């Protein structure tokens, strides 16, 4: 793998992800569980990015530029069937954040996603799901004031403001709550077990 080609390769992975997402939205298929085509692409992207990380380390702005660094983060966020890869990336990203080579907000989103999949409270309230009222609300967290303090400390808006943004985006993309929320919750828990997020 030629090092000069790495940024472009990472951006290509992201673009394939975004293009498939747009296609599924236009076909009304995005909200119907984890689409098998999307899952296959996410796994492929994670494997390719893992190869890159094994060569250059975590893809920071310094190493690959702004666009590719963001693309890498997006690929990691979507590698949800690969718990070990996501956790490995979180550890590497944490080191880069400590060394002031990466954005703490990206780490916050990644750690929250991992916490949510492991049925732990998230710290920054970045991960949302459908609630019993058919509205998108933050997944489990400890305390709203603490969450808002943490969000403010890394330059994020309040949880209340973010809720409005997330709900408006879902409306724009024609997302709707699951017909059977209890069944979906059970399917999610089964999926977390099958992928190794929980025992």
Foldseek 3Di string as FASTA:
>chain_A
DDLVCVLVVLLVLLVVLVVVCVVCLVVVNPQPPDDPVNLVSLCVSLVVVVVVCVPVNQDFCVRRNDSSNVSSLVSLLSNVLALVSLVVNLVSVVVCVVVVRDAVVSSLSSQQSLCVLLVHARQQQPDWAQDPVFAIAGPHHDDQVRNQVVCVVRPHHHRVVVSVVVRVVCVVSVHTHDPDNVVVVVVSNVSSVVSVSYD
